[in-house]
Amino acid sequence: MLLHIGVSAHPSLTALPGSNVLQQLVNGAEAWALSIALLGAFIGSAIWAVAAHTHNHHYAARGRMAVLVSGASALIVGAAPGLVNFFQHLGTTAK
């Protein structure tokens, strides 16, 4: 006779000591990542503007790419908690 024992997991930020510190680290890391993305967008747009004004197409393209990468990075950082929660919820529905 086979005995089936089910296991479960219920994520809780208060279940372990120090969880509030971990949450503060996550919040701080997100703020740093968004700040760096914003700085990248500022620098990229400045390079793009100066290079376009001086007819340097190579550096203008690099500045444009920096702006796009910074925007994509900010999108990913902002969407990451929602994506993780979506896939965690999707995973709980698997049997």
PDB file of N, CA and C in Angstrom:
ATOM      1  N   MET A   1       0.846  -1.170   0.000  1.00  0.00           N
ATOM      2  CA  MET A   1       0.000   0.000   0.000  1.00  0.00           C
ATOM      3  C   MET A   1       0.898   1.241   0.000  1.00  0.00           C
ATOM      4  N   LEU A   2       0.599   2.172  -0.910  1.00  0.00           N
ATOM      5  CA  LEU A   2       1.384   3.390  -1.064  1.00  0.00           C
ATOM      6  C   LEU A   2       0.704   4.517  -0.309  1.00  0.00           C
ATOM      7  N   LEU A   3       1.447   5.148   0.584  1.00  0.00           N
ATOM      8  CA  LEU A   3       0.919   6.249   1.368  1.00  0.00           C
ATOM      9  C   LEU A   3       1.323   7.559   0.701  1.00  0.00           C
ATOM     10  N   HIS A   4       0.352   8.402   0.391  1.00  0.00           N
ATOM     11  CA  HIS A   4       0.625   9.675  -0.260  1.00  0.00           C
ATOM     12  C   HIS A   4       0.606  10.786   0.793  1.00  0.00           C
ATOM     13  N   ILE A   5       1.740  11.447   0.941  1.00  0.00           N
ATOM     14  CA  ILE A   5       1.836  12.567   1.875  1.00  0.00           C
ATOM     15  C   ILE A   5       2.041  13.832   1.061  1.00  0.00           C
ATOM     16  N   GLY A   6       1.165  14.773   1.224  1.00  0.00           N
ATOM     17  CA  GLY A   6       1.266  16.029   0.485  1.00  0.00           C
ATOM     18  C   GLY A   6       2.078  17.065   1.257  1.00  0.00           C
ATOM     19  N   VAL A   7       2.814  17.850   0.540  1.00  0.00           N
ATOM     20  CA  VAL A   7       3.553  18.949   1.154  1.00  0.00           C
ATOM     21  C   VAL A   7       3.006  20.254   0.600  1.00  0.00           C
ATOM     22  N   SER A   8       3.216  21.306   1.332  1.00  0.00           N
ATOM     23  CA  SER A   8       2.758  22.601   0.861  1.00  0.00           C
ATOM     24  C   SER A   8       3.729  23.676   1.330  1.00  0.00           C
ATOM     25  N   ALA A   9       3.640  24.822   0.700  1.00  0.00           N
ATOM     26  CA  ALA A   9       4.451  25.972   1.089  1.00  0.00           C
ATOM     27  C   ALA A   9       3.573  27.214   1.053  1.00  0.00           C
ATOM     28  N   HIS A  10       3.726  28.030   2.047  1.00  0.00           N
ATOM     29  CA  HIS A  10       2.971  29.276   2.143  1.00  0.00           C
ATOM     30  C   HIS A  10       3.956  30.399   2.446  1.00  0.00           C
ATOM     31  N   PRO A  11       4.382  31.139   1.411  1.00  0.00           N
ATOM     32  CA  PRO A  11       5.370  32.197   1.628  1.00  0.00           C
ATOM     33  C   PRO A  11       4.856  33.268   2.595  1.00  0.00           C
ATOM     34  N   SER A  12       5.704  33.641   3.529  1.00  0.00           N
ATOM     35  CA  SER A  12       5.353  34.671   4.493  1.00  0.00           C
ATOM     36  C   SER A  12       6.604  35.469   4.845  1.00  0.00           C
ATOM     37  N   LEU A  13       6.498  36.778   4.747  1.00  0.00           N
ATOM     38  CA  LEU A  13       7.647  37.619   5.087  1.00  0.00           C
ATOM     39  C   LEU A  13       7.876  37.729   6.586  1.00  0.00           C
ATOM     40  N   THR A  14       6.962  37.216   7.390  1.00  0.00           N
ATOM     41  CA  THR A  14       7.128  37.288   8.836  1.00  0.00           C
ATOM     42  C   THR A  14       7.487  35.934   9.441  1.00  0.00           C
ATOM     43  N   ALA A  15       7.679  34.916   8.623  1.00  0.00           N
ATOM     44  CA  ALA A  15       7.900  33.560   9.136  1.00  0.00           C
ATOM     45  C   ALA A  15       9.301  33.359   9.707  1.00  0.00           C
ATOM     46  N   LEU A  16      10.282  34.082   9.223  1.00  0.00           N
ATOM     47  CA  LEU A  16      11.651  33.923   9.702  1.00  0.00           C
ATOM     48  C   LEU A  16      12.150  35.210  10.336  1.00  0.00           C
ATOM     49  N   PRO A  17      13.030  35.083  11.323  1.00  0.00           N
ATOM     50  CA  PRO A  17      13.605  36.307  11.878  1.00  0.00           C
ATOM     51  C   PRO A  17      14.498  36.994  10.841  1.00  0.00           C
ATOM     52  N   GLY A  18      14.439  38.296  10.808  1.00  0.00           N
ATOM     53  CA  GLY A  18      15.246  39.047   9.856  1.00  0.00           C
ATOM     54  C   GLY A  18      14.574  39.253   8.519  1.00  0.00           C
ATOM     55  N   SER A  19      13.337  38.810   8.367  1.00  0.00           N
ATOM     56  CA  SER A  19      12.641  38.960   7.091  1.00  0.00           C
ATOM     57  C   SER A  19      12.425  40.426   6.744  1.00  0.00           C
ATOM     58  N   ASN A  20      12.219  41.262   7.770  1.00  0.00           N
ATOM     59  CA  ASN A  20      12.041  42.689   7.499  1.00  0.00           C
ATOM     60  C   ASN A  20      13.329  43.294   6.940  1.00  0.00           C
ATOM     61  N   VAL A  21      14.475  42.807   7.380  1.00  0.00           N
ATOM     62  CA  VAL A  21      15.756  43.281   6.847  1.00  0.00           C
ATOM     63  C   VAL A  21      15.901  42.852   5.393  1.00  0.00           C
ATOM     64  N   LEU A  22      15.497  41.626   5.078  1.00  0.00           N
ATOM     65  CA  LEU A  22      15.544  41.149   3.698  1.00  0.00           C
ATOM     66  C   LEU A  22      14.645  41.999   2.804  1.00  0.00           C
ATOM     67  N   GLN A  23      13.456  42.354   3.297  1.00  0.00           N
ATOM     68  CA  GLN A  23      12.542  43.199   2.530  1.00  0.00           C
ATOM     69  C   GLN A  23      13.147  44.578   2.299  1.00  0.00           C
ATOM     70  N   GLN A  24      13.836  45.119   3.307  1.00  0.00           N
ATOM     71  CA  GLN A  24      14.497  46.415   3.156  1.00  0.00           C
ATOM     72  C   GLN A  24      15.624  46.325   2.131  1.00  0.00           C
ATOM     73  N   LEU A  25      16.361  45.218   2.113  1.00  0.00           N
ATOM     74  CA  LEU A  25      17.413  45.027   1.116  1.00  0.00           C
ATOM     75  C   LEU A  25      16.843  44.966  -0.295  1.00  0.00           C
ATOM     76  N   VAL A  26      15.735  44.261  -0.459  1.00  0.00           N
ATOM     77  CA  VAL A  26      15.088  44.170  -1.764  1.00  0.00           C
ATOM     78  C   VAL A  26      14.615  45.557  -2.212  1.00  0.00           C
ATOM     79  N   ASN A  27      13.983  46.296  -1.303  1.00  0.00           N
ATOM     80  CA  ASN A  27      13.507  47.643  -1.643  1.00  0.00           C
ATOM     81  C   ASN A  27      14.676  48.557  -2.003  1.00  0.00           C
ATOM     82  N   GLY A  28      15.754  48.468  -1.246  1.00  0.00           N
ATOM     83  CA  GLY A  28      16.927  49.288  -1.529  1.00  0.00           C
ATOM     84  C   GLY A  28      17.579  48.921  -2.852  1.00  0.00           C
ATOM     85  N   ALA A  29      17.668  47.624  -3.126  1.00  0.00           N
ATOM     86  CA  ALA A  29      18.262  47.173  -4.397  1.00  0.00           C
ATOM     87  C   ALA A  29      17.423  47.648  -5.578  1.00  0.00           C
ATOM     88  N   GLU A  30      16.099  47.619  -5.431  1.00  0.00           N
ATOM     89  CA  GLU A  30      15.229  48.100  -6.505  1.00  0.00           C
ATOM     90  C   GLU A  30      15.425  49.600  -6.719  1.00  0.00           C
ATOM     91  N   ALA A  31      15.543  50.359  -5.641  1.00  0.00           N
ATOM     92  CA  ALA A  31      15.766  51.801  -5.761  1.00  0.00           C
ATOM     93  C   ALA A  31      17.099  52.086  -6.437  1.00  0.00           C
ATOM     94  N   TRP A  32      18.140  51.348  -6.076  1.00  0.00           N
ATOM     95  CA  TRP A  32      19.454  51.533  -6.711  1.00  0.00           C
ATOM     96  C   TRP A  32      19.378  51.183  -8.190  1.00  0.00           C
ATOM     97  N   ALA A  33      18.726  50.087  -8.530  1.00  0.00           N
ATOM     98  CA  ALA A  33      18.631  49.666  -9.934  1.00  0.00           C
ATOM     99  C   ALA A  33      17.884  50.709 -10.760  1.00  0.00           C
ATOM    100  N   LEU A  34      16.806  51.254 -10.213  1.00  0.00           N
ATOM    101  CA  LEU A  34      16.062  52.283 -10.950  1.00  0.00           C
ATOM    102  C   LEU A  34      16.868  53.576 -11.068  1.00  0.00           C
ATOM    103  N   SER A  35      17.621  53.908 -10.028  1.00  0.00           N
ATOM    104  CA  SER A  35      18.480  55.101 -10.084  1.00  0.00           C
ATOM    105  C   SER A  35      19.560  54.953 -11.138  1.00  0.00           C
ATOM    106  N   ILE A  36      20.151  53.770 -11.226  1.00  0.00           N
ATOM    107  CA  ILE A  36      21.185  53.516 -12.227  1.00  0.00           C
ATOM    108  C   ILE A  36      20.587  53.546 -13.634  1.00  0.00           C
ATOM    109  N   ALA A  37      19.377  53.008 -13.791  1.00  0.00           N
ATOM    110  CA  ALA A  37      18.710  53.065 -15.100  1.00  0.00           C
ATOM    111  C   ALA A  37      18.419  54.511 -15.495  1.00  0.00           C
ATOM    112  N   LEU A  38      18.000  55.323 -14.546  1.00  0.00           N
ATOM    113  CA  LEU A  38      17.740  56.732 -14.825  1.00  0.00           C
ATOM    114  C   LEU A  38      19.026  57.464 -15.201  1.00  0.00           C
ATOM    115  N   LEU A  39      20.102  57.186 -14.480  1.00  0.00           N
ATOM    116  CA  LEU A  39      21.392  57.793 -14.800  1.00  0.00           C
ATOM    117  C   LEU A  39      21.847  57.377 -16.198  1.00  0.00           C
ATOM    118  N   GLY A  40      21.655  56.107 -16.542  1.00  0.00           N
ATOM    119  CA  GLY A  40      22.003  55.626 -17.877  1.00  0.00           C
ATOM    120  C   GLY A  40      21.201  56.319 -18.967  1.00  0.00           C
ATOM    121  N   ALA A  41      19.921  56.577 -18.676  1.00  0.00           N
ATOM    122  CA  ALA A  41      19.085  57.288 -19.649  1.00  0.00           C
ATOM    123  C   ALA A  41      19.555  58.730 -19.816  1.00  0.00           C
ATOM    124  N   PHE A  42      19.924  59.374 -18.714  1.00  0.00           N
ATOM    125  CA  PHE A  42      20.431  60.750 -18.796  1.00  0.00           C
ATOM    126  C   PHE A  42      21.723  60.816 -19.598  1.00  0.00           C
ATOM    127  N   ILE A  43      22.662  59.943 -19.280  1.00  0.00           N
ATOM    128  CA  ILE A  43      23.954  59.950 -19.969  1.00  0.00           C
ATOM    129  C   ILE A  43      23.779  59.572 -21.434  1.00  0.00           C
ATOM    130  N   GLY A  44      22.979  58.552 -21.697  1.00  0.00           N
ATOM    131  CA  GLY A  44      22.728  58.135 -23.075  1.00  0.00           C
ATOM    132  C   GLY A  44      22.088  59.226 -23.911  1.00  0.00           C
ATOM    133  N   SER A  45      21.121  59.931 -23.329  1.00  0.00           N
ATOM    134  CA  SER A  45      20.467  61.000 -24.092  1.00  0.00           C
ATOM    135  C   SER A  45      21.410  62.170 -24.325  1.00  0.00           C
ATOM    136  N   ALA A  46      22.292  62.448 -23.372  1.00  0.00           N
ATOM    137  CA  ALA A  46      23.284  63.514 -23.568  1.00  0.00           C
ATOM    138  C   ALA A  46      24.263  63.139 -24.685  1.00  0.00           C
ATOM    139  N   ILE A  47      24.725  61.907 -24.674  1.00  0.00           N
ATOM    140  CA  ILE A  47      25.629  61.443 -25.732  1.00  0.00           C
ATOM    141  C   ILE A  47      24.927  61.489 -27.083  1.00  0.00           C
ATOM    142  N   TRP A  48      23.690  61.038 -27.107  1.00  0.00           N
ATOM    143  CA  TRP A  48      22.902  61.043 -28.333  1.00  0.00           C
ATOM    144  C   TRP A  48      22.757  62.466 -28.880  1.00  0.00           C
ATOM    145  N   ALA A  49      22.427  63.422 -28.005  1.00  0.00           N
ATOM    146  CA  ALA A  49      22.225  64.800 -28.445  1.00  0.00           C
ATOM    147  C   ALA A  49      23.515  65.436 -28.956  1.00  0.00           C
ATOM    148  N   VAL A  50      24.602  65.282 -28.209  1.00  0.00           N
ATOM    149  CA  VAL A  50      25.878  65.887 -28.621  1.00  0.00           C
ATOM    150  C   VAL A  50      26.375  65.241 -29.912  1.00  0.00           C
ATOM    151  N   ALA A  51      26.283  63.930 -29.992  1.00  0.00           N
ATOM    152  CA  ALA A  51      26.764  63.228 -31.184  1.00  0.00           C
ATOM    153  C   ALA A  51      25.920  63.582 -32.409  1.00  0.00           C
ATOM    154  N   ALA A  52      24.623  63.706 -32.239  1.00  0.00           N
ATOM    155  CA  ALA A  52      23.771  64.082 -33.369  1.00  0.00           C
ATOM    156  C   ALA A  52      24.082  65.518 -33.817  1.00  0.00           C
ATOM    157  N   HIS A  53      24.359  66.385 -32.860  1.00  0.00           N
ATOM    158  CA  HIS A  53      24.681  67.782 -33.201  1.00  0.00           C
ATOM    159  C   HIS A  53      26.013  67.884 -33.948  1.00  0.00           C
ATOM    160  N   THR A  54      26.963  66.999 -33.602  1.00  0.00           N
ATOM    161  CA  THR A  54      28.285  67.031 -34.246  1.00  0.00           C
ATOM    162  C   THR A  54      28.363  66.088 -35.442  1.00  0.00           C
ATOM    163  N   HIS A  55      27.238  65.521 -35.842  1.00  0.00           N
ATOM    164  CA  HIS A  55      27.148  64.611 -37.000  1.00  0.00           C
ATOM    165  C   HIS A  55      28.007  63.359 -36.840  1.00  0.00           C
ATOM    166  N   ASN A  56      28.111  62.882 -35.606  1.00  0.00           N
ATOM    167  CA  ASN A  56      28.828  61.643 -35.334  1.00  0.00           C
ATOM    168  C   ASN A  56      27.780  60.537 -35.177  1.00  0.00           C
ATOM    169  N   HIS A  57      27.488  59.862 -36.280  1.00  0.00           N
ATOM    170  CA  HIS A  57      26.393  58.892 -36.312  1.00  0.00           C
ATOM    171  C   HIS A  57      26.658  57.678 -35.438  1.00  0.00           C
ATOM    172  N   HIS A  58      27.907  57.271 -35.333  1.00  0.00           N
ATOM    173  CA  HIS A  58      28.240  56.100 -34.520  1.00  0.00           C
ATOM    174  C   HIS A  58      27.909  56.357 -33.049  1.00  0.00           C
ATOM    175  N   TYR A  59      28.367  57.472 -32.499  1.00  0.00           N
ATOM    176  CA  TYR A  59      28.098  57.771 -31.099  1.00  0.00           C
ATOM    177  C   TYR A  59      26.628  58.115 -30.868  1.00  0.00           C
ATOM    178  N   ALA A  60      25.969  58.694 -31.862  1.00  0.00           N
ATOM    179  CA  ALA A  60      24.538  58.959 -31.734  1.00  0.00           C
ATOM    180  C   ALA A  60      23.767  57.644 -31.593  1.00  0.00           C
ATOM    181  N   ALA A  61      24.151  56.658 -32.366  1.00  0.00           N
ATOM    182  CA  ALA A  61      23.504  55.343 -32.262  1.00  0.00           C
ATOM    183  C   ALA A  61      23.800  54.695 -30.914  1.00  0.00           C
ATOM    184  N   ARG A  62      25.025  54.867 -30.409  1.00  0.00           N
ATOM    185  CA  ARG A  62      25.375  54.300 -29.097  1.00  0.00           C
ATOM    186  C   ARG A  62      24.573  54.972 -27.982  1.00  0.00           C
ATOM    187  N   GLY A  63      24.417  56.295 -28.076  1.00  0.00           N
ATOM    188  CA  GLY A  63      23.613  57.005 -27.087  1.00  0.00           C
ATOM    189  C   GLY A  63      22.158  56.588 -27.128  1.00  0.00           C
ATOM    190  N   ARG A  64      21.620  56.415 -28.336  1.00  0.00           N
ATOM    191  CA  ARG A  64      20.239  55.952 -28.507  1.00  0.00           C
ATOM    192  C   ARG A  64      20.079  54.555 -27.904  1.00  0.00           C
ATOM    193  N   MET A  65      21.067  53.692 -28.127  1.00  0.00           N
ATOM    194  CA  MET A  65      21.008  52.339 -27.562  1.00  0.00           C
ATOM    195  C   MET A  65      21.056  52.383 -26.034  1.00  0.00           C
ATOM    196  N   ALA A  66      21.862  53.285 -25.480  1.00  0.00           N
ATOM    197  CA  ALA A  66      21.933  53.424 -24.021  1.00  0.00           C
ATOM    198  C   ALA A  66      20.586  53.848 -23.444  1.00  0.00           C
ATOM    199  N   VAL A  67      19.898  54.742 -24.125  1.00  0.00           N
ATOM    200  CA  VAL A  67      18.577  55.173 -23.667  1.00  0.00           C
ATOM    201  C   VAL A  67      17.590  54.013 -23.722  1.00  0.00           C
ATOM    202  N   LEU A  68      17.613  53.247 -24.798  1.00  0.00           N
ATOM    203  CA  LEU A  68      16.699  52.102 -24.927  1.00  0.00           C
ATOM    204  C   LEU A  68      16.989  51.017 -23.898  1.00  0.00           C
ATOM    205  N   VAL A  69      18.259  50.732 -23.675  1.00  0.00           N
ATOM    206  CA  VAL A  69      18.630  49.709 -22.688  1.00  0.00           C
ATOM    207  C   VAL A  69      18.234  50.171 -21.286  1.00  0.00           C
ATOM    208  N   SER A  70      18.437  51.444 -20.990  1.00  0.00           N
ATOM    209  CA  SER A  70      18.042  51.966 -19.677  1.00  0.00           C
ATOM    210  C   SER A  70      16.536  51.880 -19.485  1.00  0.00           C
ATOM    211  N   GLY A  71      15.778  52.199 -20.518  1.00  0.00           N
ATOM    212  CA  GLY A  71      14.326  52.083 -20.425  1.00  0.00           C
ATOM    213  C   GLY A  71      13.870  50.647 -20.240  1.00  0.00           C
ATOM    214  N   ALA A  72      14.487  49.736 -20.984  1.00  0.00           N
ATOM    215  CA  ALA A  72      14.145  48.315 -20.837  1.00  0.00           C
ATOM    216  C   ALA A  72      14.520  47.804 -19.450  1.00  0.00           C
ATOM    217  N   SER A  73      15.646  48.264 -18.932  1.00  0.00           N
ATOM    218  CA  SER A  73      16.069  47.863 -17.589  1.00  0.00           C
ATOM    219  C   SER A  73      15.069  48.340 -16.539  1.00  0.00           C
ATOM    220  N   ALA A  74      14.626  49.581 -16.658  1.00  0.00           N
ATOM    221  CA  ALA A  74      13.638  50.107 -15.716  1.00  0.00           C
ATOM    222  C   ALA A  74      12.321  49.331 -15.814  1.00  0.00           C
ATOM    223  N   LEU A  75      11.941  48.960 -17.031  1.00  0.00           N
ATOM    224  CA  LEU A  75      10.724  48.170 -17.224  1.00  0.00           C
ATOM    225  C   LEU A  75      10.837  46.815 -16.524  1.00  0.00           C
ATOM    226  N   ILE A  76      11.972  46.167 -16.683  1.00  0.00           N
ATOM    227  CA  ILE A  76      12.181  44.855 -16.063  1.00  0.00           C
ATOM    228  C   ILE A  76      12.209  44.969 -14.547  1.00  0.00           C
ATOM    229  N   VAL A  77      12.919  45.976 -14.015  1.00  0.00           N
ATOM    230  CA  VAL A  77      12.989  46.160 -12.566  1.00  0.00           C
ATOM    231  C   VAL A  77      11.595  46.443 -11.999  1.00  0.00           C
ATOM    232  N   GLY A  78      10.835  47.283 -12.684  1.00  0.00           N
ATOM    233  CA  GLY A  78       9.492  47.600 -12.209  1.00  0.00           C
ATOM    234  C   GLY A  78       8.524  46.434 -12.303  1.00  0.00           C
ATOM    235  N   ALA A  79       8.680  45.623 -13.327  1.00  0.00           N
ATOM    236  CA  ALA A  79       7.758  44.502 -13.542  1.00  0.00           C
ATOM    237  C   ALA A  79       8.184  43.236 -12.804  1.00  0.00           C
ATOM    238  N   ALA A  80       9.406  43.192 -12.297  1.00  0.00           N
ATOM    239  CA  ALA A  80       9.928  41.960 -11.689  1.00  0.00           C
ATOM    240  C   ALA A  80       9.059  41.421 -10.547  1.00  0.00           C
ATOM    241  N   PRO A  81       8.626  42.247  -9.580  1.00  0.00           N
ATOM    242  CA  PRO A  81       7.775  41.685  -8.522  1.00  0.00           C
ATOM    243  C   PRO A  81       6.481  41.084  -9.068  1.00  0.00           C
ATOM    244  N   GLY A  82       5.858  41.756 -10.025  1.00  0.00           N
ATOM    245  CA  GLY A  82       4.633  41.222 -10.621  1.00  0.00           C
ATOM    246  C   GLY A  82       4.874  39.927 -11.377  1.00  0.00           C
ATOM    247  N   LEU A  83       6.003  39.872 -12.107  1.00  0.00           N
ATOM    248  CA  LEU A  83       6.339  38.646 -12.839  1.00  0.00           C
ATOM    249  C   LEU A  83       6.601  37.481 -11.889  1.00  0.00           C
ATOM    250  N   VAL A  84       7.342  37.746 -10.823  1.00  0.00           N
ATOM    251  CA  VAL A  84       7.624  36.688  -9.846  1.00  0.00           C
ATOM    252  C   VAL A  84       6.328  36.210  -9.208  1.00  0.00           C
ATOM    253  N   ASN A  85       5.461  37.143  -8.829  1.00  0.00           N
ATOM    254  CA  ASN A  85       4.176  36.753  -8.226  1.00  0.00           C
ATOM    255  C   ASN A  85       3.303  35.988  -9.210  1.00  0.00           C
ATOM    256  N   PHE A  86       3.308  36.406 -10.484  1.00  0.00           N
ATOM    257  CA  PHE A  86       2.528  35.701 -11.504  1.00  0.00           C
ATOM    258  C   PHE A  86       2.989  34.258 -11.637  1.00  0.00           C
ATOM    259  N   PHE A  87       4.306  34.062 -11.764  1.00  0.00           N
ATOM    260  CA  PHE A  87       4.814  32.700 -11.951  1.00  0.00           C
ATOM    261  C   PHE A  87       4.702  31.877 -10.664  1.00  0.00           C
ATOM    262  N   GLN A  88       4.796  32.526  -9.503  1.00  0.00           N
ATOM    263  CA  GLN A  88       4.595  31.792  -8.249  1.00  0.00           C
ATOM    264  C   GLN A  88       3.154  31.317  -8.168  1.00  0.00           C
ATOM    265  N   HIS A  89       2.200  32.190  -8.540  1.00  0.00           N
ATOM    266  CA  HIS A  89       0.785  31.787  -8.538  1.00  0.00           C
ATOM    267  C   HIS A  89       0.545  30.690  -9.570  1.00  0.00           C
ATOM    268  N   LEU A  90       1.176  30.815 -10.740  1.00  0.00           N
ATOM    269  CA  LEU A  90       1.048  29.793 -11.770  1.00  0.00           C
ATOM    270  C   LEU A  90       1.599  28.459 -11.262  1.00  0.00           C
ATOM    271  N   GLY A  91       2.698  28.527 -10.530  1.00  0.00           N
ATOM    272  CA  GLY A  91       3.297  27.310  -9.988  1.00  0.00           C
ATOM    273  C   GLY A  91       2.435  26.648  -8.924  1.00  0.00           C
ATOM    274  N   THR A  92       1.675  27.422  -8.169  1.00  0.00           N
ATOM    275  CA  THR A  92       0.810  26.831  -7.147  1.00  0.00           C
ATOM    276  C   THR A  92      -0.373  26.113  -7.746  1.00  0.00           C
ATOM    277  N   THR A  93      -0.714  26.417  -9.004  1.00  0.00           N
ATOM    278  CA  THR A  93      -1.828  25.741  -9.639  1.00  0.00           C
ATOM    279  C   THR A  93      -1.404  24.424 -10.290  1.00  0.00           C
ATOM    280  N   ALA A  94      -0.087  24.172 -10.387  1.00  0.00           N
ATOM    281  CA  ALA A  94       0.396  22.927 -10.976  1.00  0.00           C
ATOM    282  C   ALA A  94       0.143  21.767 -10.020  1.00  0.00           C
ATOM    283  N   LYS A  95      -0.183  20.658 -10.587  1.00  0.00           N
ATOM    284  CA  LYS A  95      -0.439  19.466  -9.740  1.00  0.00           C
ATOM    285  C   LYS A  95       0.496  18.356 -10.122  1.00  0.00           C
TER     286      LYS A  95
END
